[in-house]
Amino acid sequence: MPQTAIDTAHLSRQTGGDHALERELLTLFAQQCVKHLRTIHAGADTQARLDAAHSLKGAARAIGAWQVAEAADAVEHGLAEADQHRTEAAMDALALAAAEARAVICRSDCAA
């Protein structure tokens, strides 16, 4: 069964079915994606990159963006192990998962 970019049932449980809160959390998550991906891809400070991956993973889990959370976790592990190949592959997966989640968020905002 294919996963969707955002688990709307999970998000609804997290917000108690408050649709305005759901939209607010999704908008905030989309903004966090941009900020944290920028830090992760900057490549300068490993600790900042680790922190950004960890923060994005938590934010993704909170709204049910499981693919983003999984990819951010892989980035975090790759960075912690100083495994450049694993980190680069995980960063590609993270960029794709985040783009898919942001597209879903954009479509839901446009439909609202």
N, C-alpha and C. Protein backbone atom coordinates (compact mmCIF):
# COMPACT_ATOMS: atom_id res chain seq x y z
N MET A 1 0.85 -1.18 0.00
CA MET A 1 0.00 0.00 0.00
C MET A 1 0.89 1.25 0.00
N PRO A 2 0.77 2.10 -0.99
CA PRO A 2 1.64 3.28 -1.06
C PRO A 2 1.33 4.27 0.05
N GLN A 3 2.40 4.87 0.55
CA GLN A 3 2.26 5.88 1.59
C GLN A 3 1.97 7.22 0.94
N THR A 4 1.16 8.02 1.61
CA THR A 4 0.95 9.38 1.15
C THR A 4 1.97 10.27 1.85
N ALA A 5 2.20 11.44 1.30
CA ALA A 5 3.21 12.34 1.84
C ALA A 5 2.84 12.83 3.24
N ILE A 6 1.56 13.00 3.51
CA ILE A 6 1.06 13.44 4.82
C ILE A 6 -0.02 12.46 5.26
N ASP A 7 0.15 11.90 6.44
CA ASP A 7 -0.84 11.00 7.02
C ASP A 7 -1.92 11.86 7.67
N THR A 8 -2.99 12.14 6.92
CA THR A 8 -4.01 13.06 7.39
C THR A 8 -4.78 12.51 8.59
N ALA A 9 -4.89 11.19 8.70
CA ALA A 9 -5.57 10.61 9.87
C ALA A 9 -4.74 10.89 11.12
N HIS A 10 -3.42 10.73 11.02
CA HIS A 10 -2.54 11.03 12.16
C HIS A 10 -2.63 12.51 12.51
N LEU A 11 -2.56 13.35 11.51
CA LEU A 11 -2.63 14.80 11.75
C LEU A 11 -3.95 15.17 12.43
N SER A 12 -5.02 14.58 11.99
CA SER A 12 -6.32 14.85 12.59
C SER A 12 -6.36 14.42 14.06
N ARG A 13 -5.76 13.28 14.35
CA ARG A 13 -5.69 12.83 15.75
C ARG A 13 -4.86 13.81 16.58
N GLN A 14 -3.76 14.30 16.01
CA GLN A 14 -2.88 15.22 16.72
C GLN A 14 -3.57 16.54 17.03
N THR A 15 -4.47 16.96 16.16
CA THR A 15 -5.13 18.27 16.32
C THR A 15 -6.54 18.16 16.88
N GLY A 16 -6.97 16.95 17.18
CA GLY A 16 -8.34 16.77 17.66
C GLY A 16 -9.37 17.13 16.60
N GLY A 17 -8.98 17.02 15.33
CA GLY A 17 -9.91 17.32 14.24
C GLY A 17 -10.09 18.80 13.95
N ASP A 18 -9.26 19.64 14.54
CA ASP A 18 -9.34 21.09 14.33
C ASP A 18 -8.67 21.43 12.99
N HIS A 19 -9.48 21.68 11.96
CA HIS A 19 -8.95 21.90 10.62
C HIS A 19 -8.11 23.17 10.51
N ALA A 20 -8.47 24.20 11.25
CA ALA A 20 -7.68 25.44 11.23
C ALA A 20 -6.30 25.18 11.82
N LEU A 21 -6.24 24.40 12.89
CA LEU A 21 -4.95 24.05 13.50
C LEU A 21 -4.14 23.17 12.55
N GLU A 22 -4.80 22.25 11.86
CA GLU A 22 -4.11 21.41 10.89
C GLU A 22 -3.45 22.27 9.82
N ARG A 23 -4.19 23.23 9.27
CA ARG A 23 -3.62 24.11 8.23
C ARG A 23 -2.45 24.91 8.79
N GLU A 24 -2.59 25.39 10.02
CA GLU A 24 -1.51 26.15 10.64
C GLU A 24 -0.25 25.29 10.81
N LEU A 25 -0.43 24.06 11.28
CA LEU A 25 0.71 23.17 11.46
C LEU A 25 1.36 22.80 10.12
N LEU A 26 0.54 22.57 9.11
CA LEU A 26 1.08 22.23 7.80
C LEU A 26 1.86 23.40 7.20
N THR A 27 1.34 24.60 7.37
CA THR A 27 2.04 25.79 6.87
C THR A 27 3.38 25.95 7.59
N LEU A 28 3.36 25.79 8.90
CA LEU A 28 4.59 25.88 9.69
C LEU A 28 5.58 24.81 9.27
N PHE A 29 5.09 23.59 9.04
CA PHE A 29 5.97 22.51 8.62
C PHE A 29 6.62 22.82 7.27
N ALA A 30 5.85 23.34 6.34
CA ALA A 30 6.40 23.69 5.02
C ALA A 30 7.52 24.71 5.17
N GLN A 31 7.33 25.68 6.05
CA GLN A 31 8.37 26.69 6.30
C GLN A 31 9.60 26.05 6.96
N GLN A 32 9.37 25.13 7.89
CA GLN A 32 10.48 24.45 8.55
C GLN A 32 11.27 23.61 7.56
N CYS A 33 10.58 22.99 6.62
CA CYS A 33 11.27 22.20 5.59
C CYS A 33 12.29 23.07 4.86
N VAL A 34 11.86 24.23 4.41
CA VAL A 34 12.76 25.13 3.68
C VAL A 34 13.97 25.50 4.54
N LYS A 35 13.70 25.93 5.76
CA LYS A 35 14.77 26.37 6.66
C LYS A 35 15.76 25.24 6.96
N HIS A 36 15.23 24.09 7.36
CA HIS A 36 16.11 22.99 7.76
C HIS A 36 16.84 22.37 6.57
N LEU A 37 16.19 22.28 5.43
CA LEU A 37 16.87 21.75 4.25
C LEU A 37 18.02 22.66 3.84
N ARG A 38 17.81 23.95 3.96
CA ARG A 38 18.87 24.90 3.64
C ARG A 38 20.09 24.65 4.53
N THR A 39 19.86 24.46 5.82
CA THR A 39 20.95 24.19 6.76
C THR A 39 21.62 22.86 6.46
N ILE A 40 20.82 21.83 6.21
CA ILE A 40 21.37 20.50 5.94
C ILE A 40 22.23 20.52 4.68
N HIS A 41 21.79 21.21 3.66
CA HIS A 41 22.53 21.24 2.40
C HIS A 41 23.70 22.22 2.41
N ALA A 42 23.75 23.12 3.39
CA ALA A 42 24.84 24.11 3.45
C ALA A 42 26.18 23.42 3.61
N GLY A 43 26.22 22.36 4.39
CA GLY A 43 27.41 21.55 4.48
C GLY A 43 28.55 22.09 5.32
N ALA A 44 28.39 23.22 5.97
CA ALA A 44 29.51 23.80 6.70
C ALA A 44 29.67 23.20 8.10
N ASP A 45 28.67 23.35 8.93
CA ASP A 45 28.75 22.97 10.34
C ASP A 45 28.00 21.65 10.56
N THR A 46 28.74 20.60 10.87
CA THR A 46 28.12 19.29 11.03
C THR A 46 27.08 19.29 12.15
N GLN A 47 27.37 19.94 13.26
CA GLN A 47 26.42 19.96 14.37
C GLN A 47 25.13 20.68 13.98
N ALA A 48 25.25 21.77 13.25
CA ALA A 48 24.05 22.49 12.79
C ALA A 48 23.24 21.60 11.85
N ARG A 49 23.92 20.86 11.01
CA ARG A 49 23.23 19.95 10.09
C ARG A 49 22.53 18.83 10.85
N LEU A 50 23.21 18.28 11.86
CA LEU A 50 22.60 17.25 12.70
C LEU A 50 21.36 17.79 13.40
N ASP A 51 21.49 18.97 13.97
CA ASP A 51 20.36 19.59 14.67
C ASP A 51 19.19 19.84 13.73
N ALA A 52 19.48 20.30 12.52
CA ALA A 52 18.42 20.57 11.54
C ALA A 52 17.72 19.27 11.13
N ALA A 53 18.49 18.23 10.89
CA ALA A 53 17.89 16.93 10.52
C ALA A 53 17.03 16.40 11.65
N HIS A 54 17.52 16.52 12.87
CA HIS A 54 16.77 16.04 14.03
C HIS A 54 15.47 16.84 14.21
N SER A 55 15.56 18.14 14.09
CA SER A 55 14.37 18.99 14.24
C SER A 55 13.34 18.69 13.15
N LEU A 56 13.81 18.52 11.93
CA LEU A 56 12.90 18.23 10.83
C LEU A 56 12.24 16.86 11.03
N LYS A 57 13.00 15.91 11.53
CA LYS A 57 12.45 14.58 11.81
C LYS A 57 11.30 14.69 12.82
N GLY A 58 11.51 15.44 13.89
CA GLY A 58 10.47 15.59 14.90
C GLY A 58 9.24 16.31 14.37
N ALA A 59 9.46 17.36 13.61
CA ALA A 59 8.34 18.10 13.03
C ALA A 59 7.55 17.21 12.07
N ALA A 60 8.26 16.41 11.29
CA ALA A 60 7.60 15.52 10.34
C ALA A 60 6.77 14.46 11.07
N ARG A 61 7.32 13.91 12.13
CA ARG A 61 6.57 12.90 12.89
C ARG A 61 5.31 13.51 13.51
N ALA A 62 5.39 14.75 13.93
CA ALA A 62 4.24 15.40 14.57
C ALA A 62 3.05 15.52 13.63
N ILE A 63 3.31 15.72 12.33
CA ILE A 63 2.20 15.90 11.39
C ILE A 63 1.91 14.66 10.55
N GLY A 64 2.74 13.63 10.70
CA GLY A 64 2.51 12.41 9.92
C GLY A 64 3.17 12.42 8.55
N ALA A 65 4.26 13.16 8.42
CA ALA A 65 5.04 13.14 7.16
C ALA A 65 6.12 12.07 7.33
N TRP A 66 5.68 10.82 7.29
CA TRP A 66 6.56 9.70 7.65
C TRP A 66 7.77 9.56 6.73
N GLN A 67 7.61 9.81 5.45
CA GLN A 67 8.73 9.69 4.53
C GLN A 67 9.79 10.76 4.80
N VAL A 68 9.35 11.95 5.14
CA VAL A 68 10.28 13.02 5.52
C VAL A 68 11.00 12.63 6.80
N ALA A 69 10.26 12.12 7.77
CA ALA A 69 10.87 11.72 9.05
C ALA A 69 11.91 10.62 8.84
N GLU A 70 11.57 9.63 8.02
CA GLU A 70 12.50 8.53 7.76
C GLU A 70 13.76 9.02 7.06
N ALA A 71 13.60 9.88 6.08
CA ALA A 71 14.76 10.40 5.35
C ALA A 71 15.61 11.32 6.24
N ALA A 72 14.96 12.14 7.06
CA ALA A 72 15.71 13.01 7.98
C ALA A 72 16.48 12.17 8.98
N ASP A 73 15.89 11.07 9.43
CA ASP A 73 16.59 10.15 10.34
C ASP A 73 17.82 9.56 9.66
N ALA A 74 17.68 9.19 8.40
CA ALA A 74 18.82 8.64 7.65
C ALA A 74 19.92 9.68 7.49
N VAL A 75 19.54 10.93 7.23
CA VAL A 75 20.53 12.01 7.14
C VAL A 75 21.24 12.15 8.47
N GLU A 76 20.47 12.16 9.53
CA GLU A 76 21.04 12.31 10.88
C GLU A 76 22.05 11.20 11.16
N HIS A 77 21.70 9.97 10.84
CA HIS A 77 22.62 8.85 11.08
C HIS A 77 23.85 8.93 10.19
N GLY A 78 23.65 9.30 8.94
CA GLY A 78 24.79 9.44 8.03
C GLY A 78 25.76 10.49 8.51
N LEU A 79 25.24 11.62 8.96
CA LEU A 79 26.10 12.69 9.48
C LEU A 79 26.81 12.25 10.75
N ALA A 80 26.09 11.59 11.65
CA ALA A 80 26.67 11.15 12.92
C ALA A 80 27.79 10.14 12.70
N GLU A 81 27.65 9.33 11.65
CA GLU A 81 28.66 8.32 11.35
C GLU A 81 29.71 8.82 10.37
N ALA A 82 29.60 10.08 9.97
CA ALA A 82 30.52 10.67 8.99
C ALA A 82 30.61 9.83 7.72
N ASP A 83 29.47 9.29 7.30
CA ASP A 83 29.37 8.46 6.10
C ASP A 83 28.83 9.33 4.96
N GLN A 84 29.75 9.87 4.18
CA GLN A 84 29.37 10.83 3.15
C GLN A 84 28.43 10.22 2.12
N HIS A 85 28.69 9.00 1.69
CA HIS A 85 27.84 8.37 0.68
C HIS A 85 26.42 8.19 1.22
N ARG A 86 26.30 7.67 2.43
CA ARG A 86 24.99 7.47 3.04
C ARG A 86 24.27 8.81 3.23
N THR A 87 25.02 9.81 3.67
CA THR A 87 24.43 11.13 3.90
C THR A 87 23.91 11.72 2.60
N GLU A 88 24.69 11.65 1.55
CA GLU A 88 24.27 12.22 0.26
C GLU A 88 23.03 11.52 -0.28
N ALA A 89 22.99 10.19 -0.18
CA ALA A 89 21.82 9.45 -0.65
C ALA A 89 20.59 9.82 0.18
N ALA A 90 20.78 9.94 1.49
CA ALA A 90 19.68 10.31 2.37
C ALA A 90 19.22 11.73 2.11
N MET A 91 20.15 12.63 1.80
CA MET A 91 19.78 14.02 1.50
C MET A 91 18.94 14.08 0.24
N ASP A 92 19.26 13.26 -0.76
CA ASP A 92 18.45 13.21 -1.98
C ASP A 92 17.03 12.73 -1.65
N ALA A 93 16.94 11.67 -0.84
CA ALA A 93 15.64 11.14 -0.45
C ALA A 93 14.86 12.17 0.36
N LEU A 94 15.55 12.90 1.24
CA LEU A 94 14.91 13.91 2.06
C LEU A 94 14.37 15.06 1.20
N ALA A 95 15.17 15.50 0.25
CA ALA A 95 14.72 16.59 -0.63
C ALA A 95 13.47 16.18 -1.39
N LEU A 96 13.43 14.95 -1.89
CA LEU A 96 12.27 14.47 -2.63
C LEU A 96 11.05 14.34 -1.71
N ALA A 97 11.23 13.74 -0.54
CA ALA A 97 10.11 13.56 0.38
C ALA A 97 9.56 14.91 0.84
N ALA A 98 10.45 15.84 1.12
CA ALA A 98 10.01 17.18 1.56
C ALA A 98 9.27 17.89 0.43
N ALA A 99 9.75 17.76 -0.80
CA ALA A 99 9.07 18.39 -1.93
C ALA A 99 7.66 17.80 -2.11
N GLU A 100 7.54 16.49 -1.95
CA GLU A 100 6.23 15.86 -2.07
C GLU A 100 5.29 16.34 -0.95
N ALA A 101 5.81 16.41 0.26
CA ALA A 101 4.98 16.88 1.39
C ALA A 101 4.56 18.33 1.17
N ARG A 102 5.48 19.16 0.74
CA ARG A 102 5.16 20.56 0.51
C ARG A 102 4.15 20.71 -0.63
N ALA A 103 4.22 19.86 -1.64
CA ALA A 103 3.25 19.90 -2.73
C ALA A 103 1.85 19.55 -2.23
N VAL A 104 1.77 18.56 -1.37
CA VAL A 104 0.48 18.18 -0.78
C VAL A 104 -0.06 19.35 0.05
N ILE A 105 0.80 19.97 0.82
CA ILE A 105 0.38 21.11 1.64
C ILE A 105 -0.10 22.26 0.76
N CYS A 106 0.64 22.54 -0.30
CA CYS A 106 0.24 23.61 -1.21
C CYS A 106 -1.12 23.32 -1.84
N ARG A 107 -1.32 22.08 -2.28
CA ARG A 107 -2.61 21.71 -2.88
C ARG A 107 -3.74 21.85 -1.87
N SER A 108 -3.48 21.49 -0.62
CA SER A 108 -4.56 21.58 0.39
C SER A 108 -4.85 23.05 0.72
N ASP A 109 -3.80 23.90 0.72
CA ASP A 109 -4.01 25.33 0.97
C ASP A 109 -4.78 25.97 -0.17
N CYS A 110 -4.46 25.58 -1.39
CA CYS A 110 -5.12 26.15 -2.55
C CYS A 110 -6.58 25.71 -2.63
N ALA A 111 -6.87 24.50 -2.14
CA ALA A 111 -8.23 23.98 -2.18
C ALA A 111 -9.09 24.55 -1.06
N ALA A 112 -8.44 25.06 -0.01
CA ALA A 112 -9.19 25.55 1.16
C ALA A 112 -9.88 26.87 0.89
